[in-house]
Amino acid sequence: MILTDTQIEQVIKQAKNSFPNFTDWEYNNEENSEYFGFSLWGKFVLDPEARFPRNFFIIMSS
């Protein structure tokens, strides 16, 4: 599913509010060989002060 610019803004705002500790939000809004439409992902760093911090990504697709 492809979203309008207004829908994209709403989805990103909701994701940021739902996952306040995630950063580096990015999205794809096209159908291609990797995506079936809109997808949004963000990064979470567990203990960023650690010597080797662990990164986690959450991906949401429509």
PDB file of N, CA and C in Angstrom:
ATOM      1  N   MET A   1       0.841  -1.153   0.000  1.00  0.00           N
ATOM      2  CA  MET A   1       0.000   0.000   0.000  1.00  0.00           C
ATOM      3  C   MET A   1       0.902   1.237   0.000  1.00  0.00           C
ATOM      4  N   ILE A   2       0.593   2.184  -0.840  1.00  0.00           N
ATOM      5  CA  ILE A   2       1.312   3.445  -0.923  1.00  0.00           C
ATOM      6  C   ILE A   2       0.528   4.489  -0.128  1.00  0.00           C
ATOM      7  N   LEU A   3       1.227   5.273   0.694  1.00  0.00           N
ATOM      8  CA  LEU A   3       0.578   6.289   1.513  1.00  0.00           C
ATOM      9  C   LEU A   3       0.765   7.680   0.912  1.00  0.00           C
ATOM     10  N   THR A   4      -0.147   8.578   1.252  1.00  0.00           N
ATOM     11  CA  THR A   4      -0.011   9.975   0.844  1.00  0.00           C
ATOM     12  C   THR A   4       0.998  10.654   1.777  1.00  0.00           C
ATOM     13  N   ASP A   5       1.460  11.835   1.402  1.00  0.00           N
ATOM     14  CA  ASP A   5       2.400  12.569   2.248  1.00  0.00           C
ATOM     15  C   ASP A   5       1.809  12.848   3.627  1.00  0.00           C
ATOM     16  N   THR A   6       0.540  13.185   3.672  1.00  0.00           N
ATOM     17  CA  THR A   6      -0.130  13.446   4.948  1.00  0.00           C
ATOM     18  C   THR A   6      -0.166  12.188   5.809  1.00  0.00           C
ATOM     19  N   GLN A   7      -0.479  11.054   5.204  1.00  0.00           N
ATOM     20  CA  GLN A   7      -0.507   9.788   5.943  1.00  0.00           C
ATOM     21  C   GLN A   7       0.882   9.428   6.459  1.00  0.00           C
ATOM     22  N   ILE A   8       1.902   9.661   5.645  1.00  0.00           N
ATOM     23  CA  ILE A   8       3.278   9.366   6.065  1.00  0.00           C
ATOM     24  C   ILE A   8       3.636  10.188   7.297  1.00  0.00           C
ATOM     25  N   GLU A   9       3.318  11.475   7.278  1.00  0.00           N
ATOM     26  CA  GLU A   9       3.598  12.341   8.430  1.00  0.00           C
ATOM     27  C   GLU A   9       2.891  11.832   9.679  1.00  0.00           C
ATOM     28  N   GLN A  10       1.637  11.402   9.534  1.00  0.00           N
ATOM     29  CA  GLN A  10       0.872  10.890  10.675  1.00  0.00           C
ATOM     30  C   GLN A  10       1.485   9.605  11.217  1.00  0.00           C
ATOM     31  N   VAL A  11       1.889   8.709  10.330  1.00  0.00           N
ATOM     32  CA  VAL A  11       2.469   7.431  10.750  1.00  0.00           C
ATOM     33  C   VAL A  11       3.796   7.654  11.464  1.00  0.00           C
ATOM     34  N   ILE A  12       4.637   8.523  10.919  1.00  0.00           N
ATOM     35  CA  ILE A  12       5.929   8.796  11.553  1.00  0.00           C
ATOM     36  C   ILE A  12       5.722   9.430  12.925  1.00  0.00           C
ATOM     37  N   LYS A  13       4.798  10.359  13.030  1.00  0.00           N
ATOM     38  CA  LYS A  13       4.504  10.996  14.318  1.00  0.00           C
ATOM     39  C   LYS A  13       4.030   9.964  15.336  1.00  0.00           C
ATOM     40  N   GLN A  14       3.139   9.075  14.918  1.00  0.00           N
ATOM     41  CA  GLN A  14       2.629   8.043  15.821  1.00  0.00           C
ATOM     42  C   GLN A  14       3.746   7.088  16.238  1.00  0.00           C
ATOM     43  N   ALA A  15       4.611   6.699  15.309  1.00  0.00           N
ATOM     44  CA  ALA A  15       5.719   5.797  15.636  1.00  0.00           C
ATOM     45  C   ALA A  15       6.674   6.455  16.628  1.00  0.00           C
ATOM     46  N   LYS A  16       7.000   7.722  16.402  1.00  0.00           N
ATOM     47  CA  LYS A  16       7.899   8.432  17.320  1.00  0.00           C
ATOM     48  C   LYS A  16       7.290   8.546  18.711  1.00  0.00           C
ATOM     49  N   ASN A  17       5.981   8.765  18.785  1.00  0.00           N
ATOM     50  CA  ASN A  17       5.305   8.836  20.086  1.00  0.00           C
ATOM     51  C   ASN A  17       5.234   7.469  20.757  1.00  0.00           C
ATOM     52  N   SER A  18       5.045   6.419  19.978  1.00  0.00           N
ATOM     53  CA  SER A  18       4.927   5.065  20.521  1.00  0.00           C
ATOM     54  C   SER A  18       6.269   4.482  20.927  1.00  0.00           C
ATOM     55  N   PHE A  19       7.334   4.885  20.238  1.00  0.00           N
ATOM     56  CA  PHE A  19       8.679   4.365  20.487  1.00  0.00           C
ATOM     57  C   PHE A  19       9.645   5.537  20.684  1.00  0.00           C
ATOM     58  N   PRO A  20       9.537   6.277  21.809  1.00  0.00           N
ATOM     59  CA  PRO A  20      10.338   7.491  21.987  1.00  0.00           C
ATOM     60  C   PRO A  20      11.843   7.256  22.090  1.00  0.00           C
ATOM     61  N   ASN A  21      12.266   6.041  22.394  1.00  0.00           N
ATOM     62  CA  ASN A  21      13.698   5.759  22.512  1.00  0.00           C
ATOM     63  C   ASN A  21      14.324   5.304  21.200  1.00  0.00           C
ATOM     64  N   PHE A  22      13.528   5.249  20.147  1.00  0.00           N
ATOM     65  CA  PHE A  22      14.048   4.884  18.834  1.00  0.00           C
ATOM     66  C   PHE A  22      14.458   6.147  18.089  1.00  0.00           C
ATOM     67  N   THR A  23      15.470   6.029  17.244  1.00  0.00           N
ATOM     68  CA  THR A  23      15.977   7.163  16.472  1.00  0.00           C
ATOM     69  C   THR A  23      16.152   6.739  15.021  1.00  0.00           C
ATOM     70  N   ASP A  24      16.651   7.653  14.231  1.00  0.00           N
ATOM     71  CA  ASP A  24      17.009   7.383  12.830  1.00  0.00           C
ATOM     72  C   ASP A  24      15.854   6.773  12.040  1.00  0.00           C
ATOM     73  N   TRP A  25      14.663   7.343  12.183  1.00  0.00           N
ATOM     74  CA  TRP A  25      13.494   6.844  11.467  1.00  0.00           C
ATOM     75  C   TRP A  25      13.656   7.062   9.968  1.00  0.00           C
ATOM     76  N   GLU A  26      13.390   6.041   9.198  1.00  0.00           N
ATOM     77  CA  GLU A  26      13.419   6.109   7.739  1.00  0.00           C
ATOM     78  C   GLU A  26      12.208   5.363   7.201  1.00  0.00           C
ATOM     79  N   TYR A  27      11.881   5.619   5.944  1.00  0.00           N
ATOM     80  CA  TYR A  27      10.746   4.918   5.352  1.00  0.00           C
ATOM     81  C   TYR A  27      10.953   4.722   3.857  1.00  0.00           C
ATOM     82  N   ASN A  28      10.188   3.788   3.338  1.00  0.00           N
ATOM     83  CA  ASN A  28      10.096   3.527   1.906  1.00  0.00           C
ATOM     84  C   ASN A  28       8.613   3.601   1.564  1.00  0.00           C
ATOM     85  N   ASN A  29       8.293   4.244   0.468  1.00  0.00           N
ATOM     86  CA  ASN A  29       6.885   4.372   0.082  1.00  0.00           C
ATOM     87  C   ASN A  29       6.707   4.027  -1.392  1.00  0.00           C
ATOM     88  N   GLU A  30       7.271   2.915  -1.797  1.00  0.00           N
ATOM     89  CA  GLU A  30       7.109   2.460  -3.178  1.00  0.00           C
ATOM     90  C   GLU A  30       7.141   0.943  -3.224  1.00  0.00           C
ATOM     91  N   GLU A  31       6.539   0.414  -4.236  1.00  0.00           N
ATOM     92  CA  GLU A  31       6.583  -1.030  -4.454  1.00  0.00           C
ATOM     93  C   GLU A  31       7.787  -1.330  -5.328  1.00  0.00           C
ATOM     94  N   ASN A  32       8.603  -2.284  -4.887  1.00  0.00           N
ATOM     95  CA  ASN A  32       9.753  -2.720  -5.671  1.00  0.00           C
ATOM     96  C   ASN A  32      10.090  -4.153  -5.269  1.00  0.00           C
ATOM     97  N   SER A  33      11.251  -4.620  -5.637  1.00  0.00           N
ATOM     98  CA  SER A  33      11.605  -6.015  -5.357  1.00  0.00           C
ATOM     99  C   SER A  33      11.810  -6.287  -3.865  1.00  0.00           C
ATOM    100  N   GLU A  34      12.012  -5.239  -3.064  1.00  0.00           N
ATOM    101  CA  GLU A  34      12.244  -5.420  -1.635  1.00  0.00           C
ATOM    102  C   GLU A  34      11.037  -5.079  -0.765  1.00  0.00           C
ATOM    103  N   TYR A  35      10.153  -4.229  -1.261  1.00  0.00           N
ATOM    104  CA  TYR A  35       9.029  -3.749  -0.466  1.00  0.00           C
ATOM    105  C   TYR A  35       7.728  -3.878  -1.242  1.00  0.00           C
ATOM    106  N   PHE A  36       6.648  -4.137  -0.500  1.00  0.00           N
ATOM    107  CA  PHE A  36       5.324  -4.241  -1.114  1.00  0.00           C
ATOM    108  C   PHE A  36       4.551  -2.930  -1.005  1.00  0.00           C
ATOM    109  N   GLY A  37       5.200  -1.893  -0.536  1.00  0.00           N
ATOM    110  CA  GLY A  37       4.560  -0.597  -0.339  1.00  0.00           C
ATOM    111  C   GLY A  37       5.231   0.118   0.808  1.00  0.00           C
ATOM    112  N   PHE A  38       4.441   0.813   1.608  1.00  0.00           N
ATOM    113  CA  PHE A  38       5.002   1.613   2.692  1.00  0.00           C
ATOM    114  C   PHE A  38       5.621   0.736   3.768  1.00  0.00           C
ATOM    115  N   SER A  39       6.841   1.081   4.176  1.00  0.00           N
ATOM    116  CA  SER A  39       7.535   0.453   5.300  1.00  0.00           C
ATOM    117  C   SER A  39       8.245   1.546   6.085  1.00  0.00           C
ATOM    118  N   LEU A  40       8.289   1.390   7.385  1.00  0.00           N
ATOM    119  CA  LEU A  40       8.915   2.369   8.270  1.00  0.00           C
ATOM    120  C   LEU A  40       9.824   1.622   9.226  1.00  0.00           C
ATOM    121  N   TRP A  41      11.007   2.155   9.482  1.00  0.00           N
ATOM    122  CA  TRP A  41      11.898   1.509  10.427  1.00  0.00           C
ATOM    123  C   TRP A  41      12.653   2.551  11.237  1.00  0.00           C
ATOM    124  N   GLY A  42      13.017   2.145  12.461  1.00  0.00           N
ATOM    125  CA  GLY A  42      13.766   2.996  13.372  1.00  0.00           C
ATOM    126  C   GLY A  42      14.774   2.161  14.136  1.00  0.00           C
ATOM    127  N   LYS A  43      15.722   2.833  14.782  1.00  0.00           N
ATOM    128  CA  LYS A  43      16.817   2.152  15.473  1.00  0.00           C
ATOM    129  C   LYS A  43      16.717   2.391  16.979  1.00  0.00           C
ATOM    130  N   PHE A  44      16.982   1.331  17.746  1.00  0.00           N
ATOM    131  CA  PHE A  44      17.057   1.408  19.196  1.00  0.00           C
ATOM    132  C   PHE A  44      18.429   0.909  19.613  1.00  0.00           C
ATOM    133  N   VAL A  45      19.123   1.692  20.434  1.00  0.00           N
ATOM    134  CA  VAL A  45      20.441   1.293  20.923  1.00  0.00           C
ATOM    135  C   VAL A  45      20.315   0.962  22.404  1.00  0.00           C
ATOM    136  N   LEU A  46      20.573  -0.295  22.726  1.00  0.00           N
ATOM    137  CA  LEU A  46      20.535  -0.747  24.114  1.00  0.00           C
ATOM    138  C   LEU A  46      21.848  -0.346  24.779  1.00  0.00           C
ATOM    139  N   ASP A  47      21.771   0.441  25.819  1.00  0.00           N
ATOM    140  CA  ASP A  47      22.936   0.912  26.578  1.00  0.00           C
ATOM    141  C   ASP A  47      23.970   1.573  25.657  1.00  0.00           C
ATOM    142  N   PRO A  48      23.653   2.764  25.129  1.00  0.00           N
ATOM    143  CA  PRO A  48      24.548   3.435  24.185  1.00  0.00           C
ATOM    144  C   PRO A  48      25.917   3.776  24.759  1.00  0.00           C
ATOM    145  N   GLU A  49      26.052   3.793  26.085  1.00  0.00           N
ATOM    146  CA  GLU A  49      27.344   4.096  26.710  1.00  0.00           C
ATOM    147  C   GLU A  49      28.244   2.865  26.809  1.00  0.00           C
ATOM    148  N   ALA A  50      27.733   1.701  26.497  1.00  0.00           N
ATOM    149  CA  ALA A  50      28.519   0.469  26.575  1.00  0.00           C
ATOM    150  C   ALA A  50      29.629   0.478  25.531  1.00  0.00           C
ATOM    151  N   ARG A  51      30.643  -0.283  25.782  1.00  0.00           N
ATOM    152  CA  ARG A  51      31.770  -0.357  24.847  1.00  0.00           C
ATOM    153  C   ARG A  51      31.329  -0.871  23.481  1.00  0.00           C
ATOM    154  N   PHE A  52      30.467  -1.867  23.479  1.00  0.00           N
ATOM    155  CA  PHE A  52      29.920  -2.424  22.242  1.00  0.00           C
ATOM    156  C   PHE A  52      28.392  -2.397  22.340  1.00  0.00           C
ATOM    157  N   PRO A  53      27.787  -1.232  22.092  1.00  0.00           N
ATOM    158  CA  PRO A  53      26.327  -1.141  22.227  1.00  0.00           C
ATOM    159  C   PRO A  53      25.612  -2.042  21.224  1.00  0.00           C
ATOM    160  N   ARG A  54      24.466  -2.545  21.630  1.00  0.00           N
ATOM    161  CA  ARG A  54      23.671  -3.422  20.764  1.00  0.00           C
ATOM    162  C   ARG A  54      22.590  -2.599  20.085  1.00  0.00           C
ATOM    163  N   ASN A  55      22.488  -2.742  18.770  1.00  0.00           N
ATOM    164  CA  ASN A  55      21.493  -2.025  17.981  1.00  0.00           C
ATOM    165  C   ASN A  55      20.355  -2.957  17.604  1.00  0.00           C
ATOM    166  N   PHE A  56      19.133  -2.448  17.709  1.00  0.00           N
ATOM    167  CA  PHE A  56      17.948  -3.188  17.310  1.00  0.00           C
ATOM    168  C   PHE A  56      17.139  -2.312  16.367  1.00  0.00           C
ATOM    169  N   PHE A  57      16.502  -2.923  15.404  1.00  0.00           N
ATOM    170  CA  PHE A  57      15.678  -2.196  14.452  1.00  0.00           C
ATOM    171  C   PHE A  57      14.261  -2.747  14.495  1.00  0.00           C
ATOM    172  N   ILE A  58      13.301  -1.862  14.411  1.00  0.00           N
ATOM    173  CA  ILE A  58      11.904  -2.273  14.307  1.00  0.00           C
ATOM    174  C   ILE A  58      11.422  -1.850  12.928  1.00  0.00           C
ATOM    175  N   ILE A  59      10.757  -2.753  12.245  1.00  0.00           N
ATOM    176  CA  ILE A  59      10.260  -2.472  10.897  1.00  0.00           C
ATOM    177  C   ILE A  59       8.758  -2.706  10.886  1.00  0.00           C
ATOM    178  N   MET A  60       8.034  -1.728  10.369  1.00  0.00           N
ATOM    179  CA  MET A  60       6.581  -1.836  10.234  1.00  0.00           C
ATOM    180  C   MET A  60       6.232  -1.698   8.762  1.00  0.00           C
ATOM    181  N   SER A  61       5.440  -2.606   8.256  1.00  0.00           N
ATOM    182  CA  SER A  61       5.057  -2.585   6.842  1.00  0.00           C
ATOM    183  C   SER A  61       3.550  -2.590   6.702  1.00  0.00           C
ATOM    184  N   SER A  62       3.106  -2.037   5.590  1.00  0.00           N
ATOM    185  CA  SER A  62       1.672  -2.073   5.314  1.00  0.00           C
ATOM    186  C   SER A  62       1.375  -3.158   4.309  1.00  0.00           C
TER     187      SER A  62
END
